[in-house]
Amino acid sequence: MTHRTPRPWFRIETRAAAETEPPVAEVYIYDEIGESWWGGLAPKTLVDEIAALDVDDLTVHINSPGGAAWDGITIMNALREHRARVNVVVDGLAASAASAIAMAGDTITMNRGAQMMIHDASGFAWGNAADLEKTAGVLHKLSDSYADIYAARAGGNREQWRALMEAETWYTAEEAVAAGLATSWDGDDGETVAATSSFDLSRFRFQGRAHAPAPMLAAASATAPAMAAQTEAAPLPSTVPGMVMMDEGMLAELRADAAAGRRAREEQTKSRRDAVIATALREGRITPYSATGLRKLLDEAEDSATELIQSLAPNTALPTTEIGHAAGEVSAEEALWAKAFG
């Protein structure tokens, strides 16, 4: 069997800051993170090497489309736990799990032309409905954890960040600072450029900020702690090009519209099911006595109940009352009839 050498997706360099000062370290994460799908080194390798660094200043350079979500959280926490001051520099792209790693920085600098992307966690599952539902639950919890990470850095709440993640939101360097996800950007980043030419971004909904809509910016982000540290290269403008501001009034209106839409759908569903019963009564397929049970069955299993009603011949329904019933086992079809007709 041929064993493939794991791909090194990071490297660490140490150097002396000055003769009288302790050394400093630079971590370069310049590839897809993790080992499971991409054949890279195990994230534990990086975590162990970070823990072994005897430095007071640690700079983390990022140019990565992400990787395994758990790995991103693990590396972020390893950087947070280190005693060094952590300075994150996004040189090109910090997407998906790489964006979580970026949140470990005491400072987060977006280099000119750099971009950041956040989205919901994804994964694969195989099995029955219960297996898929279990996987979906895990992914929701994982995405909630990422949303909490962004909220802790930039302000806002879990629901606001989950909405941005579900939409797959891309930020230019300037937009990332405005959103509170970075503390500064290097230079005038007024031009939207492709995120990178070296990564395959086809698995994402958008292939970089140039192909993505303008990010929504929650009003809560404007007061985030990260906004206090502005770049010396260029002041934060009052209006960021391409940024769509969303205040609490707009958010409340969107939620009200969504609630109204749900109510409208519920009313449409009720009207449709009531019409099924009314039509069956008019055609003589069912009796008023059985209508109540069938209407309840429509709420529980509309397709099965509708099929049952349509299978009944028209103009044959007669008023009935129960004069007795049989004991013992019944078939599934008999059980459905019993549930419908009482």
C-alpha atoms as a PDB file:
ATOM      1  CA  MET A   1       0.000   0.000   0.000  1.00  0.00           C
ATOM      2  CA  THR A   2       1.287   3.437  -0.929  1.00  0.00           C
ATOM      3  CA  HIS A   3       1.120   5.984   1.873  1.00  0.00           C
ATOM      4  CA  ARG A   4       0.688   9.568   0.761  1.00  0.00           C
ATOM      5  CA  THR A   5       2.610  12.217   2.648  1.00  0.00           C
ATOM      6  CA  PRO A   6       0.136  14.538   4.401  1.00  0.00           C
ATOM      7  CA  ARG A   7      -0.092  17.929   2.764  1.00  0.00           C
ATOM      8  CA  PRO A   8       1.420  20.703   4.941  1.00  0.00           C
ATOM      9  CA  TRP A   9      -1.199  23.447   4.978  1.00  0.00           C
ATOM     10  CA  PHE A  10       0.638  25.627   7.510  1.00  0.00           C
ATOM     11  CA  ARG A  11       4.146  26.608   8.547  1.00  0.00           C
ATOM     12  CA  ILE A  12       5.622  28.401  11.551  1.00  0.00           C
ATOM     13  CA  GLU A  13       8.624  30.695  11.506  1.00  0.00           C
ATOM     14  CA  THR A  14      10.357  32.130  14.573  1.00  0.00           C
ATOM     15  CA  ARG A  15      12.880  34.936  14.689  1.00  0.00           C
ATOM     16  CA  ALA A  16      14.447  37.215  17.263  1.00  0.00           C
ATOM     17  CA  ALA A  17      12.745  40.582  17.547  1.00  0.00           C
ATOM     18  CA  ALA A  18      15.884  42.172  19.005  1.00  0.00           C
ATOM     19  CA  GLU A  19      18.924  41.078  21.002  1.00  0.00           C
ATOM     20  CA  THR A  20      17.309  42.059  24.290  1.00  0.00           C
ATOM     21  CA  GLU A  21      13.775  40.866  23.438  1.00  0.00           C
ATOM     22  CA  PRO A  22      12.241  37.396  23.255  1.00  0.00           C
ATOM     23  CA  PRO A  23      11.668  35.894  19.818  1.00  0.00           C
ATOM     24  CA  VAL A  24       8.472  36.384  17.865  1.00  0.00           C
ATOM     25  CA  ALA A  25       6.644  33.820  15.737  1.00  0.00           C
ATOM     26  CA  GLU A  26       4.683  33.917  12.528  1.00  0.00           C
ATOM     27  CA  VAL A  27       2.135  31.280  11.576  1.00  0.00           C
ATOM     28  CA  TYR A  28       1.164  30.962   7.916  1.00  0.00           C
ATOM     29  CA  ILE A  29      -2.122  29.185   7.131  1.00  0.00           C
ATOM     30  CA  TYR A  30      -2.012  29.211   3.349  1.00  0.00           C
ATOM     31  CA  ASP A  31      -4.126  26.271   2.244  1.00  0.00           C
ATOM     32  CA  GLU A  32      -7.265  24.262   2.953  1.00  0.00           C
ATOM     33  CA  ILE A  33      -7.404  23.362   6.642  1.00  0.00           C
ATOM     34  CA  GLY A  34      -7.587  19.850   8.037  1.00  0.00           C
ATOM     35  CA  GLU A  35      -6.964  16.244   7.148  1.00  0.00           C
ATOM     36  CA  SER A  36     -10.301  14.528   6.542  1.00  0.00           C
ATOM     37  CA  TRP A  37     -11.159  15.482   2.955  1.00  0.00           C
ATOM     38  CA  TRP A  38      -7.998  17.196   1.720  1.00  0.00           C
ATOM     39  CA  GLY A  39      -5.277  14.855   2.943  1.00  0.00           C
ATOM     40  CA  GLY A  40      -3.553  17.455   5.067  1.00  0.00           C
ATOM     41  CA  LEU A  41      -1.799  17.301   8.392  1.00  0.00           C
ATOM     42  CA  ALA A  42      -3.976  16.778  11.444  1.00  0.00           C
ATOM     43  CA  PRO A  43      -4.964  20.104  13.086  1.00  0.00           C
ATOM     44  CA  LYS A  44      -3.533  18.732  16.345  1.00  0.00           C
ATOM     45  CA  THR A  45      -0.107  19.129  14.778  1.00  0.00           C
ATOM     46  CA  LEU A  46      -0.600  22.890  14.504  1.00  0.00           C
ATOM     47  CA  VAL A  47      -2.210  23.112  17.945  1.00  0.00           C
ATOM     48  CA  ASP A  48       0.771  21.332  19.540  1.00  0.00           C
ATOM     49  CA  GLU A  49       3.276  23.544  17.755  1.00  0.00           C
ATOM     50  CA  ILE A  50       1.414  26.703  18.815  1.00  0.00           C
ATOM     51  CA  ALA A  51       1.367  25.549  22.445  1.00  0.00           C
ATOM     52  CA  ALA A  52       5.133  24.935  22.314  1.00  0.00           C
ATOM     53  CA  LEU A  53       5.962  28.457  21.119  1.00  0.00           C
ATOM     54  CA  ASP A  54       7.809  30.487  23.749  1.00  0.00           C
ATOM     55  CA  VAL A  55       6.983  33.928  22.354  1.00  0.00           C
ATOM     56  CA  ASP A  56       5.209  37.077  23.472  1.00  0.00           C
ATOM     57  CA  ASP A  57       4.139  38.152  20.008  1.00  0.00           C
ATOM     58  CA  LEU A  58       2.447  35.869  17.500  1.00  0.00           C
ATOM     59  CA  THR A  59       1.336  36.908  14.007  1.00  0.00           C
ATOM     60  CA  VAL A  60      -1.028  34.626  12.110  1.00  0.00           C
ATOM     61  CA  HIS A  61      -1.179  35.095   8.325  1.00  0.00           C
ATOM     62  CA  ILE A  62      -4.274  33.627   6.660  1.00  0.00           C
ATOM     63  CA  ASN A  63      -5.042  32.830   3.030  1.00  0.00           C
ATOM     64  CA  SER A  64      -7.408  29.867   3.188  1.00  0.00           C
ATOM     65  CA  PRO A  65     -10.843  28.816   1.888  1.00  0.00           C
ATOM     66  CA  GLY A  66     -11.466  27.032   5.197  1.00  0.00           C
ATOM     67  CA  GLY A  67     -11.881  23.365   5.984  1.00  0.00           C
ATOM     68  CA  ALA A  68     -13.404  21.265   8.740  1.00  0.00           C
ATOM     69  CA  ALA A  69     -15.543  23.453  11.007  1.00  0.00           C
ATOM     70  CA  TRP A  70     -14.431  21.751  14.248  1.00  0.00           C
ATOM     71  CA  ASP A  71     -10.802  22.245  13.240  1.00  0.00           C
ATOM     72  CA  GLY A  72     -11.364  25.973  12.824  1.00  0.00           C
ATOM     73  CA  ILE A  73     -12.779  26.252  16.347  1.00  0.00           C
ATOM     74  CA  THR A  74      -9.953  24.119  17.770  1.00  0.00           C
ATOM     75  CA  ILE A  75      -7.221  26.260  16.224  1.00  0.00           C
ATOM     76  CA  MET A  76      -8.983  29.475  17.243  1.00  0.00           C
ATOM     77  CA  ASN A  77      -9.096  28.353  20.862  1.00  0.00           C
ATOM     78  CA  ALA A  78      -5.427  27.266  20.787  1.00  0.00           C
ATOM     79  CA  LEU A  79      -4.452  30.774  19.678  1.00  0.00           C
ATOM     80  CA  ARG A  80      -6.675  32.382  22.309  1.00  0.00           C
ATOM     81  CA  GLU A  81      -5.167  30.292  25.077  1.00  0.00           C
ATOM     82  CA  HIS A  82      -1.588  31.188  24.180  1.00  0.00           C
ATOM     83  CA  ARG A  83      -0.012  33.862  26.369  1.00  0.00           C
ATOM     84  CA  ALA A  84       1.270  35.804  23.341  1.00  0.00           C
ATOM     85  CA  ARG A  85      -0.410  38.805  21.817  1.00  0.00           C
ATOM     86  CA  VAL A  86      -2.021  37.421  18.670  1.00  0.00           C
ATOM     87  CA  ASN A  87      -2.125  39.590  15.564  1.00  0.00           C
ATOM     88  CA  VAL A  88      -4.095  38.124  12.674  1.00  0.00           C
ATOM     89  CA  VAL A  89      -3.391  39.331   9.146  1.00  0.00           C
ATOM     90  CA  VAL A  90      -5.698  38.188   6.331  1.00  0.00           C
ATOM     91  CA  ASP A  91      -3.392  38.267   3.331  1.00  0.00           C
ATOM     92  CA  GLY A  92      -5.884  36.944   0.792  1.00  0.00           C
ATOM     93  CA  LEU A  93      -8.911  34.960   1.897  1.00  0.00           C
ATOM     94  CA  ALA A  94     -10.332  33.949   5.274  1.00  0.00           C
ATOM     95  CA  ALA A  95     -13.387  31.886   4.414  1.00  0.00           C
ATOM     96  CA  SER A  96     -15.510  29.438   6.352  1.00  0.00           C
ATOM     97  CA  ALA A  97     -13.440  27.823   9.145  1.00  0.00           C
ATOM     98  CA  ALA A  98     -10.564  30.210   8.402  1.00  0.00           C
ATOM     99  CA  SER A  99     -12.805  33.140   9.372  1.00  0.00           C
ATOM    100  CA  ALA A 100     -13.255  31.590  12.831  1.00  0.00           C
ATOM    101  CA  ILE A 101      -9.482  31.281  13.216  1.00  0.00           C
ATOM    102  CA  ALA A 102      -9.207  34.968  12.360  1.00  0.00           C
ATOM    103  CA  MET A 103     -11.480  35.823  15.293  1.00  0.00           C
ATOM    104  CA  ALA A 104      -8.701  34.699  17.687  1.00  0.00           C
ATOM    105  CA  GLY A 105      -6.695  37.835  17.004  1.00  0.00           C
ATOM    106  CA  ASP A 106      -6.228  40.629  19.498  1.00  0.00           C
ATOM    107  CA  THR A 107      -5.997  42.599  16.272  1.00  0.00           C
ATOM    108  CA  ILE A 108      -7.330  41.526  12.878  1.00  0.00           C
ATOM    109  CA  THR A 109      -5.906  43.307   9.855  1.00  0.00           C
ATOM    110  CA  MET A 110      -7.320  42.855   6.371  1.00  0.00           C
ATOM    111  CA  ASN A 111      -4.649  43.415   3.752  1.00  0.00           C
ATOM    112  CA  ARG A 112      -5.539  45.295   0.619  1.00  0.00           C
ATOM    113  CA  GLY A 113      -7.736  43.154  -1.628  1.00  0.00           C
ATOM    114  CA  ALA A 114      -8.330  40.572   1.117  1.00  0.00           C
ATOM    115  CA  GLN A 115     -11.763  39.074   1.675  1.00  0.00           C
ATOM    116  CA  MET A 116     -13.646  37.208   4.381  1.00  0.00           C
ATOM    117  CA  MET A 117     -16.596  34.848   4.058  1.00  0.00           C
ATOM    118  CA  ILE A 118     -18.984  33.369   6.623  1.00  0.00           C
ATOM    119  CA  HIS A 119     -21.573  30.650   6.019  1.00  0.00           C
ATOM    120  CA  ASP A 120     -23.453  27.811   7.712  1.00  0.00           C
ATOM    121  CA  ALA A 121     -21.663  24.578   8.472  1.00  0.00           C
ATOM    122  CA  SER A 122     -22.244  21.755   6.002  1.00  0.00           C
ATOM    123  CA  GLY A 123     -21.652  18.039   5.960  1.00  0.00           C
ATOM    124  CA  PHE A 124     -22.659  14.668   4.523  1.00  0.00           C
ATOM    125  CA  ALA A 125     -25.015  12.065   5.954  1.00  0.00           C
ATOM    126  CA  TRP A 126     -26.276   8.655   4.943  1.00  0.00           C
ATOM    127  CA  GLY A 127     -29.165   6.769   6.447  1.00  0.00           C
ATOM    128  CA  ASN A 128     -32.831   7.052   7.247  1.00  0.00           C
ATOM    129  CA  ALA A 129     -34.794  10.154   8.178  1.00  0.00           C
ATOM    130  CA  ALA A 130     -33.752   9.930  11.823  1.00  0.00           C
ATOM    131  CA  ASP A 131     -30.079   9.788  10.821  1.00  0.00           C
ATOM    132  CA  LEU A 132     -30.435  12.837   8.573  1.00  0.00           C
ATOM    133  CA  GLU A 133     -32.373  14.758  11.214  1.00  0.00           C
ATOM    134  CA  LYS A 134     -29.634  14.001  13.754  1.00  0.00           C
ATOM    135  CA  THR A 135     -26.997  15.298  11.352  1.00  0.00           C
ATOM    136  CA  ALA A 136     -29.046  18.426  10.698  1.00  0.00           C
ATOM    137  CA  GLY A 137     -29.277  19.033  14.431  1.00  0.00           C
ATOM    138  CA  VAL A 138     -25.512  18.769  14.817  1.00  0.00           C
ATOM    139  CA  LEU A 139     -24.960  21.194  11.921  1.00  0.00           C
ATOM    140  CA  HIS A 140     -27.399  23.714  13.409  1.00  0.00           C
ATOM    141  CA  LYS A 141     -25.586  23.601  16.756  1.00  0.00           C
ATOM    142  CA  LEU A 142     -22.223  23.964  15.033  1.00  0.00           C
ATOM    143  CA  SER A 143     -23.475  26.942  13.034  1.00  0.00           C
ATOM    144  CA  ASP A 144     -24.858  28.467  16.230  1.00  0.00           C
ATOM    145  CA  SER A 145     -21.377  28.173  17.746  1.00  0.00           C
ATOM    146  CA  TYR A 146     -19.883  30.046  14.796  1.00  0.00           C
ATOM    147  CA  ALA A 147     -22.591  32.716  15.032  1.00  0.00           C
ATOM    148  CA  ASP A 148     -21.749  33.191  18.718  1.00  0.00           C
ATOM    149  CA  ILE A 149     -18.067  33.605  17.796  1.00  0.00           C
ATOM    150  CA  TYR A 150     -18.881  36.394  15.338  1.00  0.00           C
ATOM    151  CA  ALA A 151     -21.288  38.039  17.779  1.00  0.00           C
ATOM    152  CA  ALA A 152     -18.651  38.027  20.528  1.00  0.00           C
ATOM    153  CA  ARG A 153     -16.258  39.847  18.212  1.00  0.00           C
ATOM    154  CA  ALA A 154     -18.575  42.202  16.339  1.00  0.00           C
ATOM    155  CA  GLY A 155     -21.700  42.585  18.469  1.00  0.00           C
ATOM    156  CA  GLY A 156     -25.227  41.669  17.486  1.00  0.00           C
ATOM    157  CA  ASN A 157     -26.833  38.364  18.381  1.00  0.00           C
ATOM    158  CA  ARG A 158     -26.897  34.773  17.226  1.00  0.00           C
ATOM    159  CA  GLU A 159     -30.014  35.190  15.092  1.00  0.00           C
ATOM    160  CA  GLN A 160     -28.555  38.120  13.160  1.00  0.00           C
ATOM    161  CA  TRP A 161     -25.320  36.290  12.396  1.00  0.00           C
ATOM    162  CA  ARG A 162     -27.096  33.062  11.471  1.00  0.00           C
ATOM    163  CA  ALA A 163     -29.097  35.021   8.908  1.00  0.00           C
ATOM    164  CA  LEU A 164     -25.864  36.350   7.414  1.00  0.00           C
ATOM    165  CA  MET A 165     -24.311  32.880   7.482  1.00  0.00           C
ATOM    166  CA  GLU A 166     -27.313  31.235   5.816  1.00  0.00           C
ATOM    167  CA  ALA A 167     -27.019  33.790   3.007  1.00  0.00           C
ATOM    168  CA  GLU A 168     -23.256  33.051   2.641  1.00  0.00           C
ATOM    169  CA  THR A 169     -21.915  36.566   3.157  1.00  0.00           C
ATOM    170  CA  TRP A 170     -18.676  37.828   1.584  1.00  0.00           C
ATOM    171  CA  TYR A 171     -16.826  40.921   2.818  1.00  0.00           C
ATOM    172  CA  THR A 172     -14.160  43.070   1.249  1.00  0.00           C
ATOM    173  CA  ALA A 173     -11.432  44.279   3.589  1.00  0.00           C
ATOM    174  CA  GLU A 174     -13.282  47.534   4.217  1.00  0.00           C
ATOM    175  CA  GLU A 175     -16.626  45.796   4.715  1.00  0.00           C
ATOM    176  CA  ALA A 176     -15.134  43.356   7.228  1.00  0.00           C
ATOM    177  CA  VAL A 177     -13.946  46.300   9.349  1.00  0.00           C
ATOM    178  CA  ALA A 178     -17.327  48.011   9.049  1.00  0.00           C
ATOM    179  CA  ALA A 179     -19.073  44.797  10.131  1.00  0.00           C
ATOM    180  CA  GLY A 180     -16.798  44.499  13.181  1.00  0.00           C
ATOM    181  CA  LEU A 181     -15.107  41.313  11.991  1.00  0.00           C
ATOM    182  CA  ALA A 182     -11.726  43.033  11.635  1.00  0.00           C
ATOM    183  CA  THR A 183     -10.053  45.894  13.432  1.00  0.00           C
ATOM    184  CA  SER A 184      -8.293  47.522  10.484  1.00  0.00           C
ATOM    185  CA  TRP A 185      -7.478  47.268   6.807  1.00  0.00           C
ATOM    186  CA  ASP A 186      -4.258  48.126   5.090  1.00  0.00           C
ATOM    187  CA  GLY A 187      -4.651  50.773   2.393  1.00  0.00           C
ATOM    188  CA  ASP A 188      -7.594  52.017   0.365  1.00  0.00           C
ATOM    189  CA  ASP A 189      -9.711  49.001  -0.498  1.00  0.00           C
ATOM    190  CA  GLY A 190     -12.302  50.674  -2.638  1.00  0.00           C
ATOM    191  CA  GLU A 191     -11.946  48.148  -5.461  1.00  0.00           C
ATOM    192  CA  THR A 192     -13.654  44.751  -5.377  1.00  0.00           C
ATOM    193  CA  VAL A 193     -11.293  42.056  -6.632  1.00  0.00           C
ATOM    194  CA  ALA A 194     -11.466  38.302  -6.970  1.00  0.00           C
ATOM    195  CA  ALA A 195     -10.811  36.541  -3.674  1.00  0.00           C
ATOM    196  CA  THR A 196      -8.041  34.319  -5.016  1.00  0.00           C
ATOM    197  CA  SER A 197      -7.061  32.507  -8.158  1.00  0.00           C
ATOM    198  CA  SER A 198      -5.411  29.559  -6.413  1.00  0.00           C
ATOM    199  CA  PHE A 199      -8.425  28.011  -4.645  1.00  0.00           C
ATOM    200  CA  ASP A 200     -11.397  26.147  -6.063  1.00  0.00           C
ATOM    201  CA  LEU A 201     -14.401  28.085  -4.749  1.00  0.00           C
ATOM    202  CA  SER A 202     -17.009  26.156  -6.749  1.00  0.00           C
ATOM    203  CA  ARG A 203     -18.330  24.446  -3.615  1.00  0.00           C
ATOM    204  CA  PHE A 204     -19.486  27.810  -2.304  1.00  0.00           C
ATOM    205  CA  ARG A 205     -22.650  29.587  -3.383  1.00  0.00           C
ATOM    206  CA  PHE A 206     -20.621  32.567  -4.605  1.00  0.00           C
ATOM    207  CA  GLN A 207     -17.114  32.512  -6.004  1.00  0.00           C
ATOM    208  CA  GLY A 208     -15.800  35.559  -4.148  1.00  0.00           C
ATOM    209  CA  ARG A 209     -17.070  38.997  -3.187  1.00  0.00           C
ATOM    210  CA  ALA A 210     -17.203  40.136  -6.815  1.00  0.00           C
ATOM    211  CA  HIS A 211     -19.959  37.563  -7.432  1.00  0.00           C
ATOM    212  CA  ALA A 212     -21.815  38.026  -4.129  1.00  0.00           C
ATOM    213  CA  PRO A 213     -24.428  40.603  -3.090  1.00  0.00           C
ATOM    214  CA  ALA A 214     -23.545  43.418  -0.716  1.00  0.00           C
ATOM    215  CA  PRO A 215     -23.438  42.166   2.891  1.00  0.00           C
ATOM    216  CA  MET A 216     -26.104  43.215   5.355  1.00  0.00           C
ATOM    217  CA  LEU A 217     -24.723  45.032   8.384  1.00  0.00           C
ATOM    218  CA  ALA A 218     -26.619  44.674  11.655  1.00  0.00           C
ATOM    219  CA  ALA A 219     -27.020  47.969  13.491  1.00  0.00           C
ATOM    220  CA  ALA A 220     -25.580  46.360  16.621  1.00  0.00           C
ATOM    221  CA  SER A 221     -22.225  46.034  14.884  1.00  0.00           C
ATOM    222  CA  ALA A 222     -21.783  49.797  14.778  1.00  0.00           C
ATOM    223  CA  THR A 223     -21.128  49.833  18.522  1.00  0.00           C
ATOM    224  CA  ALA A 224     -18.988  46.700  18.624  1.00  0.00           C
ATOM    225  CA  PRO A 225     -15.681  46.889  20.523  1.00  0.00           C
ATOM    226  CA  ALA A 226     -13.813  46.066  17.318  1.00  0.00           C
ATOM    227  CA  MET A 227     -14.920  49.332  15.778  1.00  0.00           C
ATOM    228  CA  ALA A 228     -12.953  51.344  18.314  1.00  0.00           C
ATOM    229  CA  ALA A 229      -9.646  50.357  16.720  1.00  0.00           C
ATOM    230  CA  GLN A 230      -9.480  52.039  13.327  1.00  0.00           C
ATOM    231  CA  THR A 231      -6.716  51.778  10.793  1.00  0.00           C
ATOM    232  CA  GLU A 232      -4.029  54.440  10.508  1.00  0.00           C
ATOM    233  CA  ALA A 233      -3.892  53.897   6.760  1.00  0.00           C
ATOM    234  CA  ALA A 234      -7.424  55.192   6.150  1.00  0.00           C
ATOM    235  CA  PRO A 235     -10.267  56.301   8.466  1.00  0.00           C
ATOM    236  CA  LEU A 236     -13.510  54.331   8.538  1.00  0.00           C
ATOM    237  CA  PRO A 237     -15.985  56.109   6.224  1.00  0.00           C
ATOM    238  CA  SER A 238     -19.492  56.903   7.396  1.00  0.00           C
ATOM    239  CA  THR A 239     -20.865  55.056   4.385  1.00  0.00           C
ATOM    240  CA  VAL A 240     -19.130  51.932   3.124  1.00  0.00           C
ATOM    241  CA  PRO A 241     -19.548  51.377  -0.650  1.00  0.00           C
ATOM    242  CA  GLY A 242     -21.726  48.354  -1.358  1.00  0.00           C
ATOM    243  CA  MET A 243     -22.760  47.922   2.294  1.00  0.00           C
ATOM    244  CA  VAL A 244     -26.460  47.667   3.081  1.00  0.00           C
ATOM    245  CA  MET A 245     -27.335  49.028   6.520  1.00  0.00           C
ATOM    246  CA  MET A 246     -30.105  47.258   8.427  1.00  0.00           C
ATOM    247  CA  ASP A 247     -31.418  49.047  11.513  1.00  0.00           C
ATOM    248  CA  GLU A 248     -33.638  47.533  14.181  1.00  0.00           C
ATOM    249  CA  GLY A 249     -36.758  49.020  12.552  1.00  0.00           C
ATOM    250  CA  MET A 250     -35.998  47.272   9.264  1.00  0.00           C
ATOM    251  CA  LEU A 251     -35.224  44.031  11.094  1.00  0.00           C
ATOM    252  CA  ALA A 252     -38.547  44.245  12.972  1.00  0.00           C
ATOM    253  CA  GLU A 253     -40.368  44.897   9.697  1.00  0.00           C
ATOM    254  CA  LEU A 254     -38.734  41.882   8.055  1.00  0.00           C
ATOM    255  CA  ARG A 255     -39.728  39.686  11.005  1.00  0.00           C
ATOM    256  CA  ALA A 256     -43.292  41.016  10.892  1.00  0.00           C
ATOM    257  CA  ASP A 257     -43.495  40.290   7.168  1.00  0.00           C
ATOM    258  CA  ALA A 258     -42.224  36.760   7.779  1.00  0.00           C
ATOM    259  CA  ALA A 259     -44.847  36.219  10.508  1.00  0.00           C
ATOM    260  CA  ALA A 260     -47.576  37.550   8.212  1.00  0.00           C
ATOM    261  CA  GLY A 261     -46.396  35.184   5.501  1.00  0.00           C
ATOM    262  CA  ARG A 262     -46.591  32.226   7.880  1.00  0.00           C
ATOM    263  CA  ARG A 263     -50.112  33.195   8.905  1.00  0.00           C
ATOM    264  CA  ALA A 264     -51.124  33.504   5.258  1.00  0.00           C
ATOM    265  CA  ARG A 265     -49.755  30.057   4.468  1.00  0.00           C
ATOM    266  CA  GLU A 266     -51.557  28.577   7.479  1.00  0.00           C
ATOM    267  CA  GLU A 267     -54.826  30.160   6.345  1.00  0.00           C
ATOM    268  CA  GLN A 268     -54.331  28.836   2.809  1.00  0.00           C
ATOM    269  CA  THR A 269     -53.699  25.354   4.184  1.00  0.00           C
ATOM    270  CA  LYS A 270     -56.825  25.516   6.340  1.00  0.00           C
ATOM    271  CA  SER A 271     -58.939  26.752   3.426  1.00  0.00           C
ATOM    272  CA  ARG A 272     -57.625  23.998   1.151  1.00  0.00           C
ATOM    273  CA  ARG A 273     -58.414  21.265   3.665  1.00  0.00           C
ATOM    274  CA  ASP A 274     -61.858  22.703   4.441  1.00  0.00           C
ATOM    275  CA  ALA A 275     -62.570  22.717   0.697  1.00  0.00           C
ATOM    276  CA  VAL A 276     -61.714  19.010   0.474  1.00  0.00           C
ATOM    277  CA  ILE A 277     -64.341  18.214   3.123  1.00  0.00           C
ATOM    278  CA  ALA A 278     -66.939  20.560   1.594  1.00  0.00           C
ATOM    279  CA  THR A 279     -66.476  19.026  -1.848  1.00  0.00           C
ATOM    280  CA  ALA A 280     -66.729  15.479  -0.463  1.00  0.00           C
ATOM    281  CA  LEU A 281     -69.968  16.366   1.352  1.00  0.00           C
ATOM    282  CA  ARG A 282     -71.414  17.990  -1.763  1.00  0.00           C
ATOM    283  CA  GLU A 283     -70.543  14.956  -3.909  1.00  0.00           C
ATOM    284  CA  GLY A 284     -72.001  12.547  -1.384  1.00  0.00           C
ATOM    285  CA  ARG A 285     -68.695  10.783  -0.702  1.00  0.00           C
ATOM    286  CA  ILE A 286     -68.894  11.301   3.096  1.00  0.00           C
ATOM    287  CA  THR A 287     -71.554  12.114   5.665  1.00  0.00           C
ATOM    288  CA  PRO A 288     -71.628  14.999   8.136  1.00  0.00           C
ATOM    289  CA  TYR A 289     -71.048  12.385  10.849  1.00  0.00           C
ATOM    290  CA  SER A 290     -67.680  11.365   9.367  1.00  0.00           C
ATOM    291  CA  ALA A 291     -66.640  14.869   8.274  1.00  0.00           C
ATOM    292  CA  THR A 292     -65.206  15.834  11.679  1.00  0.00           C
ATOM    293  CA  GLY A 293     -62.937  12.803  11.881  1.00  0.00           C
ATOM    294  CA  LEU A 294     -61.774  13.221   8.316  1.00  0.00           C
ATOM    295  CA  ARG A 295     -61.024  16.896   8.856  1.00  0.00           C
ATOM    296  CA  LYS A 296     -58.763  16.003  11.810  1.00  0.00           C
ATOM    297  CA  LEU A 297     -57.089  13.355   9.693  1.00  0.00           C
ATOM    298  CA  LEU A 298     -56.361  15.977   7.013  1.00  0.00           C
ATOM    299  CA  ASP A 299     -54.429  18.001   9.629  1.00  0.00           C
ATOM    300  CA  GLU A 300     -52.404  14.936  10.603  1.00  0.00           C
ATOM    301  CA  ALA A 301     -51.773  13.374   7.177  1.00  0.00           C
ATOM    302  CA  GLU A 302     -53.207  15.436   4.351  1.00  0.00           C
ATOM    303  CA  ASP A 303     -52.036  13.278   1.454  1.00  0.00           C
ATOM    304  CA  SER A 304     -53.306  10.015   2.947  1.00  0.00           C
ATOM    305  CA  ALA A 305     -56.626  11.544   4.018  1.00  0.00           C
ATOM    306  CA  THR A 306     -57.197  13.167   0.625  1.00  0.00           C
ATOM    307  CA  GLU A 307     -56.472   9.861  -1.123  1.00  0.00           C
ATOM    308  CA  LEU A 308     -58.903   8.090   1.204  1.00  0.00           C
ATOM    309  CA  ILE A 309     -61.695  10.603   0.546  1.00  0.00           C
ATOM    310  CA  GLN A 310     -61.184  10.517  -3.217  1.00  0.00           C
ATOM    311  CA  SER A 311     -61.345   6.726  -3.176  1.00  0.00           C
ATOM    312  CA  LEU A 312     -64.923   6.863  -1.904  1.00  0.00           C
ATOM    313  CA  ALA A 313     -67.627   6.578  -4.570  1.00  0.00           C
ATOM    314  CA  PRO A 314     -69.858   9.666  -4.977  1.00  0.00           C
ATOM    315  CA  ASN A 315     -73.520   9.656  -3.991  1.00  0.00           C
ATOM    316  CA  THR A 316     -73.133   6.583  -1.789  1.00  0.00           C
ATOM    317  CA  ALA A 317     -72.700   8.065   1.685  1.00  0.00           C
ATOM    318  CA  LEU A 318     -75.500   7.335   4.135  1.00  0.00           C
ATOM    319  CA  PRO A 319     -75.915   8.681   7.689  1.00  0.00           C
ATOM    320  CA  THR A 320     -74.651   6.037  10.102  1.00  0.00           C
ATOM    321  CA  THR A 321     -74.409   5.431  13.803  1.00  0.00           C
ATOM    322  CA  GLU A 322     -72.258   2.867  15.537  1.00  0.00           C
ATOM    323  CA  ILE A 323     -74.145  -0.194  16.778  1.00  0.00           C
ATOM    324  CA  GLY A 324     -71.080  -2.229  17.764  1.00  0.00           C
ATOM    325  CA  HIS A 325     -67.484  -2.911  16.871  1.00  0.00           C
ATOM    326  CA  ALA A 326     -65.210  -5.883  16.539  1.00  0.00           C
ATOM    327  CA  ALA A 327     -62.346  -6.634  18.903  1.00  0.00           C
ATOM    328  CA  GLY A 328     -58.936  -7.940  17.962  1.00  0.00           C
ATOM    329  CA  GLU A 329     -56.283  -6.927  15.459  1.00  0.00           C
ATOM    330  CA  VAL A 330     -57.144  -4.665  12.528  1.00  0.00           C
ATOM    331  CA  SER A 331     -55.266  -3.893   9.356  1.00  0.00           C
ATOM    332  CA  ALA A 332     -53.580  -0.578   8.681  1.00  0.00           C
ATOM    333  CA  GLU A 333     -56.335   0.297   6.215  1.00  0.00           C
ATOM    334  CA  GLU A 334     -59.044  -0.547   8.766  1.00  0.00           C
ATOM    335  CA  ALA A 335     -57.225   1.564  11.376  1.00  0.00           C
ATOM    336  CA  LEU A 336     -57.178   4.524   8.997  1.00  0.00           C
ATOM    337  CA  TRP A 337     -60.902   4.153   8.366  1.00  0.00           C
ATOM    338  CA  ALA A 338     -61.587   3.844  12.094  1.00  0.00           C
ATOM    339  CA  LYS A 339     -59.554   6.991  12.784  1.00  0.00           C
ATOM    340  CA  ALA A 340     -61.419   8.888  10.073  1.00  0.00           C
ATOM    341  CA  PHE A 341     -64.968   7.756  10.844  1.00  0.00           C
ATOM    342  CA  GLY A 342     -64.746   7.458  14.634  1.00  0.00           C
END
